C-alpha atoms as a PDB file:
ATOM      1  CA  MET A   1      69.206  49.149 103.518  1.00  0.00           C
ATOM      2  CA  ASN A   2      67.892  52.321 105.041  1.00  0.00           C
ATOM      3  CA  SER A   3      70.781  51.989 107.594  1.00  0.00           C
ATOM      4  CA  VAL A   4      73.457  52.615 104.785  1.00  0.00           C
ATOM      5  CA  TYR A   5      72.239  55.991 104.430  1.00  0.00           C
ATOM      6  CA  ALA A   6      72.006  56.896 108.012  1.00  0.00           C
ATOM      7  CA  VAL A   7      74.826  59.323 108.770  1.00  0.00           C
ATOM      8  CA  SER A   8      75.677  61.513 111.956  1.00  0.00           C
ATOM      9  CA  ALA A   9      76.083  65.190 112.048  1.00  0.00           C
ATOM     10  CA  ALA A  10      79.111  66.829 110.996  1.00  0.00           C
ATOM     11  CA  PRO A  11      81.993  67.070 111.384  1.00  0.00           C
ATOM     12  CA  HIS A  12      82.626  63.486 110.652  1.00  0.00           C
ATOM     13  CA  ILE A  13      86.627  63.552 111.092  1.00  0.00           C
ATOM     14  CA  LYS A  14      88.220  65.786 113.683  1.00  0.00           C
ATOM     15  CA  GLN A  15      91.893  66.493 113.802  1.00  0.00           C
ATOM     16  CA  LYS A  16      94.124  68.415 116.303  1.00  0.00           C
ATOM     17  CA  ILE A  17      94.830  71.110 114.010  1.00  0.00           C
ATOM     18  CA  SER A  18      94.501  74.748 114.163  1.00  0.00           C
ATOM     19  CA  VAL A  19      95.590  77.943 112.366  1.00  0.00           C
ATOM     20  CA  ASN A  20      98.180  78.587 115.083  1.00  0.00           C
ATOM     21  CA  SER A  21      99.472  75.087 114.499  1.00  0.00           C
ATOM     22  CA  VAL A  22      99.630  75.199 110.750  1.00  0.00           C
ATOM     23  CA  MET A  23     101.265  78.851 110.543  1.00  0.00           C
ATOM     24  CA  TRP A  24     103.999  78.028 112.886  1.00  0.00           C
ATOM     25  CA  GLN A  25     105.113  74.822 111.332  1.00  0.00           C
ATOM     26  CA  VAL A  26     105.053  76.796 107.925  1.00  0.00           C
ATOM     27  CA  VAL A  27     107.552  79.087 109.711  1.00  0.00           C
ATOM     28  CA  LEU A  28     109.506  76.130 111.035  1.00  0.00           C
ATOM     29  CA  ALA A  29     109.770  74.711 107.492  1.00  0.00           C
ATOM     30  CA  LEU A  30     111.076  78.092 106.292  1.00  0.00           C
ATOM     31  CA  VAL A  31     113.877  77.996 108.677  1.00  0.00           C
ATOM     32  CA  PRO A  32     116.271  75.944 106.711  1.00  0.00           C
ATOM     33  CA  ALA A  33     116.086  78.326 103.695  1.00  0.00           C
ATOM     34  CA  LEU A  34     116.744  81.377 106.181  1.00  0.00           C
ATOM     35  CA  LEU A  35     119.857  79.635 107.458  1.00  0.00           C
ATOM     36  CA  VAL A  36     121.228  79.162 104.185  1.00  0.00           C
ATOM     37  CA  GLY A  37     120.479  82.829 103.392  1.00  0.00           C
ATOM     38  CA  ILE A  38     122.578  83.720 106.496  1.00  0.00           C
ATOM     39  CA  PHE A  39     125.196  81.324 105.484  1.00  0.00           C
ATOM     40  CA  PHE A  40     125.948  82.517 101.919  1.00  0.00           C
ATOM     41  CA  PHE A  41     124.918  86.148 102.303  1.00  0.00           C
ATOM     42  CA  GLY A  42     125.648  87.051 105.999  1.00  0.00           C
ATOM     43  CA  ILE A  43     123.815  88.198 109.114  1.00  0.00           C
ATOM     44  CA  GLN A  44     122.074  91.039 106.943  1.00  0.00           C
ATOM     45  CA  SER A  45     119.745  88.319 105.679  1.00  0.00           C
ATOM     46  CA  LEU A  46     118.654  87.792 109.392  1.00  0.00           C
ATOM     47  CA  LEU A  47     118.231  91.463 110.059  1.00  0.00           C
ATOM     48  CA  LEU A  48     116.148  91.908 106.913  1.00  0.00           C
ATOM     49  CA  THR A  49     113.969  89.278 107.773  1.00  0.00           C
ATOM     50  CA  LEU A  50     113.533  90.340 111.632  1.00  0.00           C
ATOM     51  CA  TYR A  51     112.628  93.830 110.176  1.00  0.00           C
ATOM     52  CA  SER A  52     110.039  92.486 107.863  1.00  0.00           C
ATOM     53  CA  ILE A  53     108.674  90.223 110.579  1.00  0.00           C
ATOM     54  CA  VAL A  54     108.339  92.959 113.132  1.00  0.00           C
ATOM     55  CA  ALA A  55     106.691  95.501 110.305  1.00  0.00           C
ATOM     56  CA  ALA A  56     104.049  92.614 109.523  1.00  0.00           C
ATOM     57  CA  VAL A  57     103.129  91.754 112.979  1.00  0.00           C
ATOM     58  CA  ALA A  58     102.879  95.391 114.091  1.00  0.00           C
ATOM     59  CA  THR A  59     100.743  96.326 111.123  1.00  0.00           C
ATOM     60  CA  GLU A  60      98.379  93.670 111.850  1.00  0.00           C
ATOM     61  CA  GLY A  61      98.055  94.419 115.524  1.00  0.00           C
ATOM     62  CA  ILE A  62      97.552  97.932 114.934  1.00  0.00           C
ATOM     63  CA  ILE A  63      94.987  97.392 112.248  1.00  0.00           C
ATOM     64  CA  GLN A  64      93.027  95.020 114.362  1.00  0.00           C
ATOM     65  CA  LYS A  65      93.208  97.243 117.248  1.00  0.00           C
ATOM     66  CA  MET A  66      91.707 100.196 114.970  1.00  0.00           C
ATOM     67  CA  ARG A  67      88.943  97.841 113.800  1.00  0.00           C
ATOM     68  CA  LYS A  68      88.189  96.878 117.431  1.00  0.00           C
ATOM     69  CA  ILE A  69      88.399  93.259 116.804  1.00  0.00           C
ATOM     70  CA  PRO A  70      90.367  90.507 118.467  1.00  0.00           C
ATOM     71  CA  ILE A  71      94.155  90.755 118.032  1.00  0.00           C
ATOM     72  CA  THR A  72      95.564  87.465 116.730  1.00  0.00           C
ATOM     73  CA  VAL A  73      98.969  88.231 115.859  1.00  0.00           C
ATOM     74  CA  SER A  74     100.193  85.168 117.899  1.00  0.00           C
ATOM     75  CA  ASP A  75      98.708  82.780 115.232  1.00  0.00           C
ATOM     76  CA  GLY A  76     101.553  83.096 113.256  1.00  0.00           C
ATOM     77  CA  SER A  77     100.163  84.160 109.955  1.00  0.00           C
ATOM     78  CA  ALA A  78     101.786  87.717 110.013  1.00  0.00           C
ATOM     79  CA  VAL A  79     105.192  86.048 110.793  1.00  0.00           C
ATOM     80  CA  VAL A  80     104.705  83.840 107.734  1.00  0.00           C
ATOM     81  CA  THR A  81     104.064  86.852 105.645  1.00  0.00           C
ATOM     82  CA  GLY A  82     106.940  88.635 106.955  1.00  0.00           C
ATOM     83  CA  VAL A  83     109.412  85.932 106.445  1.00  0.00           C
ATOM     84  CA  LEU A  84     107.933  85.457 102.793  1.00  0.00           C
ATOM     85  CA  VAL A  85     108.391  89.139 101.818  1.00  0.00           C
ATOM     86  CA  ALA A  86     111.908  89.201 103.230  1.00  0.00           C
ATOM     87  CA  PHE A  87     112.675  86.180 101.102  1.00  0.00           C
ATOM     88  CA  ASN A  88     111.882  87.788  98.074  1.00  0.00           C
ATOM     89  CA  ILE A  89     114.414  90.625  98.669  1.00  0.00           C
ATOM     90  CA  ASN A  90     117.931  90.985  97.714  1.00  0.00           C
ATOM     91  CA  VAL A  91     120.259  91.062 100.875  1.00  0.00           C
ATOM     92  CA  ALA A  92     121.977  94.276  99.632  1.00  0.00           C
ATOM     93  CA  ALA A  93     118.453  96.188  99.885  1.00  0.00           C
ATOM     94  CA  PRO A  94     117.914  99.023 102.439  1.00  0.00           C
ATOM     95  CA  TRP A  95     116.271  98.089 105.738  1.00  0.00           C
ATOM     96  CA  TRP A  96     113.026  99.999 104.971  1.00  0.00           C
ATOM     97  CA  LEU A  97     112.365  97.764 101.790  1.00  0.00           C
ATOM     98  CA  PRO A  98     111.091  94.889 103.449  1.00  0.00           C
ATOM     99  CA  VAL A  99     109.317  97.008 106.242  1.00  0.00           C
ATOM    100  CA  ILE A 100     107.244  98.895 103.496  1.00  0.00           C
ATOM    101  CA  GLY A 101     106.747  95.497 101.842  1.00  0.00           C
ATOM    102  CA  SER A 102     105.362  93.872 104.820  1.00  0.00           C
ATOM    103  CA  VAL A 103     103.100  96.839 105.802  1.00  0.00           C
ATOM    104  CA  PHE A 104     101.606  96.953 102.257  1.00  0.00           C
ATOM    105  CA  ALA A 105     101.249  93.060 102.480  1.00  0.00           C
ATOM    106  CA  ILE A 106      99.244  92.894 105.891  1.00  0.00           C
ATOM    107  CA  ALA A 107      97.372  96.397 105.218  1.00  0.00           C
ATOM    108  CA  ILE A 108      96.424  96.198 101.643  1.00  0.00           C
ATOM    109  CA  GLY A 109      96.921  92.471 100.936  1.00  0.00           C
ATOM    110  CA  LYS A 110      95.204  91.055 104.141  1.00  0.00           C
ATOM    111  CA  GLN A 111      93.345  93.358 106.452  1.00  0.00           C
ATOM    112  CA  ILE A 112      91.560  95.537 103.806  1.00  0.00           C
ATOM    113  CA  PHE A 113      89.960  92.226 103.032  1.00  0.00           C
ATOM    114  CA  GLY A 114      88.756  91.423 106.284  1.00  0.00           C
ATOM    115  CA  GLY A 115      91.732  89.595 107.624  1.00  0.00           C
ATOM    116  CA  LEU A 116      92.775  85.954 107.447  1.00  0.00           C
ATOM    117  CA  GLY A 117      90.620  83.698 105.450  1.00  0.00           C
ATOM    118  CA  PHE A 118      88.905  86.468 103.582  1.00  0.00           C
ATOM    119  CA  ASN A 119      92.119  87.741 101.259  1.00  0.00           C
ATOM    120  CA  ILE A 120      91.789  86.868  97.707  1.00  0.00           C
ATOM    121  CA  PHE A 121      95.542  87.342  96.980  1.00  0.00           C
ATOM    122  CA  ASN A 122      98.630  85.842  98.601  1.00  0.00           C
ATOM    123  CA  PRO A 123      99.501  88.940 100.950  1.00  0.00           C
ATOM    124  CA  ALA A 124     103.419  88.305 100.424  1.00  0.00           C
ATOM    125  CA  LEU A 125     103.100  88.170  96.636  1.00  0.00           C
ATOM    126  CA  LEU A 126     101.133  91.292  96.596  1.00  0.00           C
ATOM    127  CA  GLY A 127     103.865  92.973  98.936  1.00  0.00           C
ATOM    128  CA  ARG A 128     106.488  92.019  96.638  1.00  0.00           C
ATOM    129  CA  ALA A 129     104.589  93.147  93.547  1.00  0.00           C
ATOM    130  CA  PHE A 130     104.252  96.543  95.113  1.00  0.00           C
ATOM    131  CA  LEU A 131     108.055  96.821  95.886  1.00  0.00           C
ATOM    132  CA  VAL A 132     108.945  95.634  92.211  1.00  0.00           C
ATOM    133  CA  ALA A 133     106.693  98.289  90.772  1.00  0.00           C
ATOM    134  CA  SER A 134     107.872 101.096  93.307  1.00  0.00           C
ATOM    135  CA  TRP A 135     111.623 100.412  93.347  1.00  0.00           C
ATOM    136  CA  PRO A 136     112.210  98.100  90.539  1.00  0.00           C
ATOM    137  CA  THR A 137     116.063  98.931  90.606  1.00  0.00           C
ATOM    138  CA  LEU A 138     116.357  97.798  94.182  1.00  0.00           C
ATOM    139  CA  MET A 139     114.529  94.839  93.561  1.00  0.00           C
ATOM    140  CA  THR A 140     115.984  93.640  90.372  1.00  0.00           C
ATOM    141  CA  ALA A 141     119.513  94.833  90.203  1.00  0.00           C
ATOM    142  CA  GLY A 142     122.889  94.749  92.199  1.00  0.00           C
ATOM    143  CA  TRP A 143     122.627  91.019  93.313  1.00  0.00           C
ATOM    144  CA  THR A 144     125.059  90.153  95.979  1.00  0.00           C
ATOM    145  CA  LYS A 145     127.326  87.508  95.126  1.00  0.00           C
ATOM    146  CA  THR A 146     127.624  84.493  97.808  1.00  0.00           C
ATOM    147  CA  GLN A 147     130.123  84.411 100.300  1.00  0.00           C
ATOM    148  CA  PRO A 148     130.617  80.964 101.647  1.00  0.00           C
ATOM    149  CA  LEU A 149     132.354  80.274 104.968  1.00  0.00           C
ATOM    150  CA  TRP A 150     134.461  77.312 103.641  1.00  0.00           C
ATOM    151  CA  ASN A 151     136.602  77.010 100.469  1.00  0.00           C
ATOM    152  CA  THR A 152     135.012  74.055  98.866  1.00  0.00           C
ATOM    153  CA  PHE A 153     132.392  76.355  96.890  1.00  0.00           C
ATOM    154  CA  GLN A 154     133.248  78.872  94.315  1.00  0.00           C
ATOM    155  CA  SER A 155     132.040  82.501  94.903  1.00  0.00           C
ATOM    156  CA  SER A 156     129.766  82.207  91.589  1.00  0.00           C
ATOM    157  CA  ILE A 157     128.317  79.574  89.610  1.00  0.00           C
ATOM    158  CA  ASN A 158     130.431  77.711  87.056  1.00  0.00           C
ATOM    159  CA  GLY A 159     128.237  79.161  84.106  1.00  0.00           C
ATOM    160  CA  LEU A 160     128.930  82.802  85.062  1.00  0.00           C
ATOM    161  CA  GLN A 161     132.765  82.457  85.901  1.00  0.00           C
ATOM    162  CA  ASN A 162     133.923  83.790  82.596  1.00  0.00           C
ATOM    163  CA  ILE A 163     130.887  85.429  81.510  1.00  0.00           C
ATOM    164  CA  SER A 164     132.358  88.899  81.376  1.00  0.00           C
ATOM    165  CA  SER A 165     134.398  87.981  78.525  1.00  0.00           C
ATOM    166  CA  LYS A 166     131.478  86.930  76.626  1.00  0.00           C
ATOM    167  CA  VAL A 167     128.670  89.235  77.165  1.00  0.00           C
ATOM    168  CA  PRO A 168     127.853  93.013  78.101  1.00  0.00           C
ATOM    169  CA  ASP A 169     128.695  94.076  81.526  1.00  0.00           C
ATOM    170  CA  ALA A 170     124.891  94.909  82.059  1.00  0.00           C
ATOM    171  CA  ILE A 171     124.238  91.317  82.961  1.00  0.00           C
ATOM    172  CA  THR A 172     127.618  90.098  84.468  1.00  0.00           C
ATOM    173  CA  ALA A 173     126.020  90.533  87.764  1.00  0.00           C
ATOM    174  CA  ALA A 174     122.660  89.256  86.989  1.00  0.00           C
ATOM    175  CA  THR A 175     120.839  86.213  88.443  1.00  0.00           C
ATOM    176  CA  PRO A 176     121.132  82.793  86.261  1.00  0.00           C
ATOM    177  CA  LEU A 177     117.603  83.407  85.267  1.00  0.00           C
ATOM    178  CA  GLY A 178     118.534  87.038  84.129  1.00  0.00           C
ATOM    179  CA  VAL A 179     121.547  85.883  82.112  1.00  0.00           C
ATOM    180  CA  ALA A 180     119.449  83.159  80.478  1.00  0.00           C
ATOM    181  CA  LYS A 181     116.875  85.756  79.507  1.00  0.00           C
ATOM    182  CA  ALA A 182     119.649  88.042  78.166  1.00  0.00           C
ATOM    183  CA  LEU A 183     121.117  85.019  76.088  1.00  0.00           C
ATOM    184  CA  ARG A 184     117.887  84.817  74.367  1.00  0.00           C
ATOM    185  CA  ASP A 185     118.137  88.507  73.024  1.00  0.00           C
ATOM    186  CA  THR A 186     120.328  87.864  69.863  1.00  0.00           C
ATOM    187  CA  THR A 187     120.974  91.568  69.783  1.00  0.00           C
ATOM    188  CA  LEU A 188     123.390  91.195  72.576  1.00  0.00           C
ATOM    189  CA  VAL A 189     125.374  88.244  71.765  1.00  0.00           C
ATOM    190  CA  SER A 190     125.997  86.099  68.802  1.00  0.00           C
ATOM    191  CA  SER A 191     124.284  82.791  68.417  1.00  0.00           C
ATOM    192  CA  GLU A 192     127.476  80.728  69.107  1.00  0.00           C
ATOM    193  CA  ILE A 193     128.485  82.689  72.324  1.00  0.00           C
ATOM    194  CA  ALA A 194     124.844  82.328  73.386  1.00  0.00           C
ATOM    195  CA  ASN A 195     124.834  78.669  73.188  1.00  0.00           C
ATOM    196  CA  SER A 196     128.411  78.409  74.974  1.00  0.00           C
ATOM    197  CA  VAL A 197     127.217  80.281  77.776  1.00  0.00           C
ATOM    198  CA  MET A 198     123.704  78.496  77.913  1.00  0.00           C
ATOM    199  CA  ASN A 199     125.738  75.374  78.002  1.00  0.00           C
ATOM    200  CA  ASP A 200     127.663  76.356  81.050  1.00  0.00           C
ATOM    201  CA  LEU A 201     124.605  77.518  82.740  1.00  0.00           C
ATOM    202  CA  THR A 202     123.025  74.068  82.315  1.00  0.00           C
ATOM    203  CA  SER A 203     126.149  72.040  83.182  1.00  0.00           C
ATOM    204  CA  SER A 204     125.951  69.545  86.228  1.00  0.00           C
ATOM    205  CA  LYS A 205     128.260  71.756  88.010  1.00  0.00           C
ATOM    206  CA  THR A 206     125.914  74.804  87.840  1.00  0.00           C
ATOM    207  CA  ILE A 207     122.884  72.846  88.569  1.00  0.00           C
ATOM    208  CA  PHE A 208     124.447  71.572  91.795  1.00  0.00           C
ATOM    209  CA  GLU A 209     125.338  74.987  92.754  1.00  0.00           C
ATOM    210  CA  LEU A 210     121.758  76.051  92.050  1.00  0.00           C
ATOM    211  CA  PHE A 211     120.593  73.294  94.086  1.00  0.00           C
ATOM    212  CA  LEU A 212     122.732  74.116  97.272  1.00  0.00           C
ATOM    213  CA  GLY A 213     122.214  77.939  96.992  1.00  0.00           C
ATOM    214  CA  ASN A 214     125.629  79.116  96.137  1.00  0.00           C
ATOM    215  CA  ILE A 215     124.329  81.741  93.646  1.00  0.00           C
ATOM    216  CA  GLY A 216     123.365  85.242  93.385  1.00  0.00           C
ATOM    217  CA  GLY A 217     119.602  85.988  94.207  1.00  0.00           C
ATOM    218  CA  VAL A 218     117.084  86.981  96.719  1.00  0.00           C
ATOM    219  CA  ILE A 219     117.488  85.931 100.312  1.00  0.00           C
ATOM    220  CA  GLY A 220     115.104  82.939 100.474  1.00  0.00           C
ATOM    221  CA  GLU A 221     115.138  81.407  97.039  1.00  0.00           C
ATOM    222  CA  VAL A 222     118.613  80.652  96.349  1.00  0.00           C
ATOM    223  CA  SER A 223     118.713  77.138  97.948  1.00  0.00           C
ATOM    224  CA  ALA A 224     116.408  74.585  96.484  1.00  0.00           C
ATOM    225  CA  ALA A 225     117.830  71.974  98.808  1.00  0.00           C
ATOM    226  CA  ALA A 226     116.710  74.048 101.828  1.00  0.00           C
ATOM    227  CA  LEU A 227     113.318  74.853 100.397  1.00  0.00           C
ATOM    228  CA  LEU A 228     112.569  71.250  99.521  1.00  0.00           C
ATOM    229  CA  LEU A 229     113.629  70.123 102.899  1.00  0.00           C
ATOM    230  CA  GLY A 230     110.934  72.503 104.496  1.00  0.00           C
ATOM    231  CA  ALA A 231     108.284  71.464 101.863  1.00  0.00           C
ATOM    232  CA  ALA A 232     109.008  67.735 102.685  1.00  0.00           C
ATOM    233  CA  TYR A 233     108.238  68.385 106.295  1.00  0.00           C
ATOM    234  CA  LEU A 234     104.888  70.217 105.413  1.00  0.00           C
ATOM    235  CA  ALA A 235     104.085  67.388 103.090  1.00  0.00           C
ATOM    236  CA  TRP A 236     104.721  64.870 105.982  1.00  0.00           C
ATOM    237  CA  LYS A 237     102.487  66.979 108.413  1.00  0.00           C
ATOM    238  CA  HIS A 238      99.788  67.017 105.526  1.00  0.00           C
ATOM    239  CA  ILE A 239      99.744  70.692 105.630  1.00  0.00           C
ATOM    240  CA  ILE A 240     100.403  70.969 101.769  1.00  0.00           C
ATOM    241  CA  GLU A 241      99.747  68.137  99.168  1.00  0.00           C
ATOM    242  CA  TRP A 242     101.329  67.304  95.714  1.00  0.00           C
ATOM    243  CA  ARG A 243      98.661  68.564  93.153  1.00  0.00           C
ATOM    244  CA  ILE A 244      99.621  72.267  92.923  1.00  0.00           C
ATOM    245  CA  PRO A 245     103.428  72.042  93.380  1.00  0.00           C
ATOM    246  CA  VAL A 246     103.789  68.849  90.867  1.00  0.00           C
ATOM    247  CA  SER A 247     101.325  70.610  88.257  1.00  0.00           C
ATOM    248  CA  PHE A 248     103.238  73.738  88.749  1.00  0.00           C
ATOM    249  CA  ILE A 249     106.583  72.353  88.324  1.00  0.00           C
ATOM    250  CA  GLY A 250     105.766  69.797  85.784  1.00  0.00           C
ATOM    251  CA  THR A 251     104.213  72.340  83.409  1.00  0.00           C
ATOM    252  CA  VAL A 252     107.280  74.599  83.807  1.00  0.00           C
ATOM    253  CA  ALA A 253     109.487  71.498  83.022  1.00  0.00           C
ATOM    254  CA  VAL A 254     107.638  70.562  79.981  1.00  0.00           C
ATOM    255  CA  LEU A 255     107.194  73.828  78.385  1.00  0.00           C
ATOM    256  CA  THR A 256     110.863  74.928  79.079  1.00  0.00           C
ATOM    257  CA  PHE A 257     112.134  71.741  77.467  1.00  0.00           C
ATOM    258  CA  THR A 258     109.877  72.426  74.450  1.00  0.00           C
ATOM    259  CA  PHE A 259     110.324  76.039  73.906  1.00  0.00           C
ATOM    260  CA  GLY A 260     113.107  77.061  76.212  1.00  0.00           C
ATOM    261  CA  GLY A 261     116.119  76.905  73.742  1.00  0.00           C
ATOM    262  CA  ILE A 262     118.066  79.903  72.554  1.00  0.00           C
ATOM    263  CA  ASN A 263     115.933  80.045  69.360  1.00  0.00           C
ATOM    264  CA  GLY A 264     112.831  79.163  71.108  1.00  0.00           C
ATOM    265  CA  ILE A 265     112.655  75.528  69.973  1.00  0.00           C
ATOM    266  CA  PHE A 266     113.342  72.157  71.754  1.00  0.00           C
ATOM    267  CA  SER A 267     116.041  72.121  74.202  1.00  0.00           C
ATOM    268  CA  ALA A 268     119.231  70.172  73.382  1.00  0.00           C
ATOM    269  CA  SER A 269     119.638  69.040  76.838  1.00  0.00           C
ATOM    270  CA  ILE A 270     117.213  67.801  79.598  1.00  0.00           C
ATOM    271  CA  MET A 271     119.203  69.976  81.857  1.00  0.00           C
ATOM    272  CA  LEU A 272     117.513  73.289  80.790  1.00  0.00           C
ATOM    273  CA  PRO A 273     114.291  72.375  82.598  1.00  0.00           C
ATOM    274  CA  ILE A 274     116.061  71.535  85.648  1.00  0.00           C
ATOM    275  CA  PHE A 275     118.009  74.838  85.474  1.00  0.00           C
ATOM    276  CA  HIS A 276     114.549  76.269  85.298  1.00  0.00           C
ATOM    277  CA  ILE A 277     113.147  74.445  88.240  1.00  0.00           C
ATOM    278  CA  PHE A 278     116.021  75.395  90.428  1.00  0.00           C
ATOM    279  CA  SER A 279     116.569  79.071  89.340  1.00  0.00           C
ATOM    280  CA  GLY A 280     114.629  81.931  90.510  1.00  0.00           C
ATOM    281  CA  GLY A 281     111.386  81.491  92.766  1.00  0.00           C
ATOM    282  CA  LEU A 282     109.837  78.251  91.267  1.00  0.00           C
ATOM    283  CA  ILE A 283     110.378  76.100  94.308  1.00  0.00           C
ATOM    284  CA  LEU A 284     109.710  78.751  96.859  1.00  0.00           C
ATOM    285  CA  GLY A 285     106.549  79.682  95.007  1.00  0.00           C
ATOM    286  CA  ALA A 286     105.151  76.283  94.245  1.00  0.00           C
ATOM    287  CA  PHE A 287     105.489  74.863  97.661  1.00  0.00           C
ATOM    288  CA  PHE A 288     105.071  77.907  99.972  1.00  0.00           C
ATOM    289  CA  MET A 289     102.928  80.366  98.193  1.00  0.00           C
ATOM    290  CA  ALA A 290     100.868  78.819  95.480  1.00  0.00           C
ATOM    291  CA  THR A 291      99.708  76.141  98.262  1.00  0.00           C
ATOM    292  CA  ASP A 292      98.430  78.964 100.597  1.00  0.00           C
ATOM    293  CA  MET A 293      95.094  77.500 101.978  1.00  0.00           C
ATOM    294  CA  VAL A 294      93.203  80.780 101.640  1.00  0.00           C
ATOM    295  CA  THR A 295      94.123  81.823  98.055  1.00  0.00           C
ATOM    296  CA  SER A 296      94.234  78.211  96.253  1.00  0.00           C
ATOM    297  CA  PRO A 297      91.459  75.875  95.293  1.00  0.00           C
ATOM    298  CA  VAL A 298      90.016  73.581  97.679  1.00  0.00           C
ATOM    299  CA  THR A 299      88.938  70.979  94.944  1.00  0.00           C
ATOM    300  CA  LYS A 300      91.303  68.362  93.840  1.00  0.00           C
ATOM    301  CA  LYS A 301      90.830  69.089  89.904  1.00  0.00           C
ATOM    302  CA  GLY A 302      91.027  72.839  90.758  1.00  0.00           C
ATOM    303  CA  ARG A 303      94.356  72.471  92.290  1.00  0.00           C
ATOM    304  CA  ILE A 304      95.782  70.698  89.311  1.00  0.00           C
ATOM    305  CA  TYR A 305      94.314  73.366  86.819  1.00  0.00           C
ATOM    306  CA  PHE A 306      95.668  76.152  89.215  1.00  0.00           C
ATOM    307  CA  GLY A 307      99.203  74.686  89.063  1.00  0.00           C
ATOM    308  CA  ILE A 308      99.159  74.096  85.366  1.00  0.00           C
ATOM    309  CA  GLY A 309      97.976  77.895  84.767  1.00  0.00           C
ATOM    310  CA  CYS A 310     100.697  79.049  87.103  1.00  0.00           C
ATOM    311  CA  GLY A 311     103.280  77.096  85.215  1.00  0.00           C
ATOM    312  CA  VAL A 312     102.117  78.407  81.983  1.00  0.00           C
ATOM    313  CA  ILE A 313     102.044  82.041  83.090  1.00  0.00           C
ATOM    314  CA  THR A 314     105.524  81.683  84.468  1.00  0.00           C
ATOM    315  CA  VAL A 315     107.036  80.347  81.301  1.00  0.00           C
ATOM    316  CA  VAL A 316     105.387  82.860  79.077  1.00  0.00           C
ATOM    317  CA  ILE A 317     106.984  85.637  81.192  1.00  0.00           C
ATOM    318  CA  ARG A 318     110.378  83.873  81.648  1.00  0.00           C
ATOM    319  CA  LEU A 319     110.703  83.144  77.774  1.00  0.00           C
ATOM    320  CA  VAL A 320     108.640  85.935  76.176  1.00  0.00           C
ATOM    321  CA  GLY A 321     108.297  88.868  78.512  1.00  0.00           C
ATOM    322  CA  GLY A 322     110.258  91.367  79.527  1.00  0.00           C
ATOM    323  CA  TYR A 323     111.151  90.273  83.102  1.00  0.00           C
ATOM    324  CA  PRO A 324     113.208  87.002  83.719  1.00  0.00           C
ATOM    325  CA  GLU A 325     111.093  85.664  86.442  1.00  0.00           C
ATOM    326  CA  GLY A 326     107.360  85.079  86.430  1.00  0.00           C
ATOM    327  CA  VAL A 327     106.467  83.034  89.512  1.00  0.00           C
ATOM    328  CA  SER A 328     105.034  85.881  91.723  1.00  0.00           C
ATOM    329  CA  TYR A 329     102.779  87.181  88.980  1.00  0.00           C
ATOM    330  CA  SER A 330     101.733  83.838  87.671  1.00  0.00           C
ATOM    331  CA  ILE A 331     100.372  82.923  91.326  1.00  0.00           C
ATOM    332  CA  LEU A 332      98.626  86.263  91.646  1.00  0.00           C
ATOM    333  CA  LEU A 333      97.059  86.222  88.371  1.00  0.00           C
ATOM    334  CA  MET A 334      95.724  82.701  89.227  1.00  0.00           C
ATOM    335  CA  ASN A 335      94.539  83.699  92.598  1.00  0.00           C
ATOM    336  CA  ILE A 336      91.885  85.809  90.746  1.00  0.00           C
ATOM    337  CA  ILE A 337      90.194  82.776  89.166  1.00  0.00           C
ATOM    338  CA  VAL A 338      90.189  80.308  92.256  1.00  0.00           C
ATOM    339  CA  PRO A 339      86.399  81.019  92.770  1.00  0.00           C
ATOM    340  CA  LEU A 340      85.654  79.877  89.336  1.00  0.00           C
ATOM    341  CA  LEU A 341      87.994  76.901  89.407  1.00  0.00           C
ATOM    342  CA  ASP A 342      86.166  75.957  92.862  1.00  0.00           C
ATOM    343  CA  LYS A 343      82.679  76.604  91.136  1.00  0.00           C
ATOM    344  CA  TYR A 344      83.314  74.386  88.141  1.00  0.00           C
ATOM    345  CA  THR A 345      85.589  71.701  89.524  1.00  0.00           C
ATOM    346  CA  VAL A 346      83.392  70.798  92.563  1.00  0.00           C
ATOM    347  CA  PRO A 347      82.867  66.770  92.309  1.00  0.00           C
ATOM    348  CA  LYS A 348      79.414  65.331  92.106  1.00  0.00           C
ATOM    349  CA  SER A 349      77.549  64.359  95.161  1.00  0.00           C
ATOM    350  CA  PHE A 350      77.772  60.808  96.325  1.00  0.00           C
ATOM    351  CA  GLY A 351      74.920  58.801  94.407  1.00  0.00           C
ATOM    352  CA  GLU A 352      74.351  61.488  91.812  1.00  0.00           C
ATOM    353  CA  VAL A 353      73.364  60.232  88.492  1.00  0.00           C
ATOM    354  CA  LYS A 354      74.660  62.081  85.442  1.00  0.00           C
ATOM    355  CA  LYS A 355      71.879  63.605  83.425  1.00  0.00           C
END
């Protein structure tokens, strides 16, 4: 019987995995979204992403040199941050915007805490929040329309084709989430027009365009298909797991179906939750940011609660707040309580008897 309790010294399971391996595989998983961004928005998408990457890597190297610690820019973590910062920026933005965002993300969001593994916030999201607070117009207005290289797709989604004749000019160039936000403001349009445009936004044609990425928006979040392809690769490599993305997206789906209608009541169509899932940065945030190993819970229950919290905050901001998107802020706010989630969701030890 005593032999049952005899165990060897840790570690018990060894895998050939390293920080370098994980980070560079994340970079690889983000490539499909970058290619779609280049396809729809042009070479400027690639240039802005490169500016962001160079700024992130350079900032990390310079700070590590100043701190007289080993320079680890080759591990790929700064590259991931640079890509994600660029992915949250409109292709029409000036070149210096992603540069400043990446510098802030690395310097304030990462190195000030001690470097990789010590930061409490997702650096890329902190960089994005800084840019939105500092240059809100550049970050949230003047969206560039897609310019497909073939004639099969239209230059704008079906639900926005005739919107200029239905709603004020102030929102004609907005993203789909921005339009949906404006439609819930009854002072802008009549209830009849609002319901008509919302039906267009949630049509199967519009959902298909949202899935492909043929919409206005930031560089890296427009194509749900490309992001899901990269996420599937990370799941296959066991770099991310299902709890955070499923609980995050599932919560958004349930709450938008329940409260996402024009009058804040049940949606008349199951397509509305799908619209919210494929619009904005939900897919990018749920699979590539909320699952960050450093800033997300380590316990299984904690990850589920983390995802639910992100989903609730996202929907509150989208439906009630003054900003059409809430993914970034929801993850940052939930990052704050990760230590509490880890503390109170620790599973009991093997053989422990509940008092």
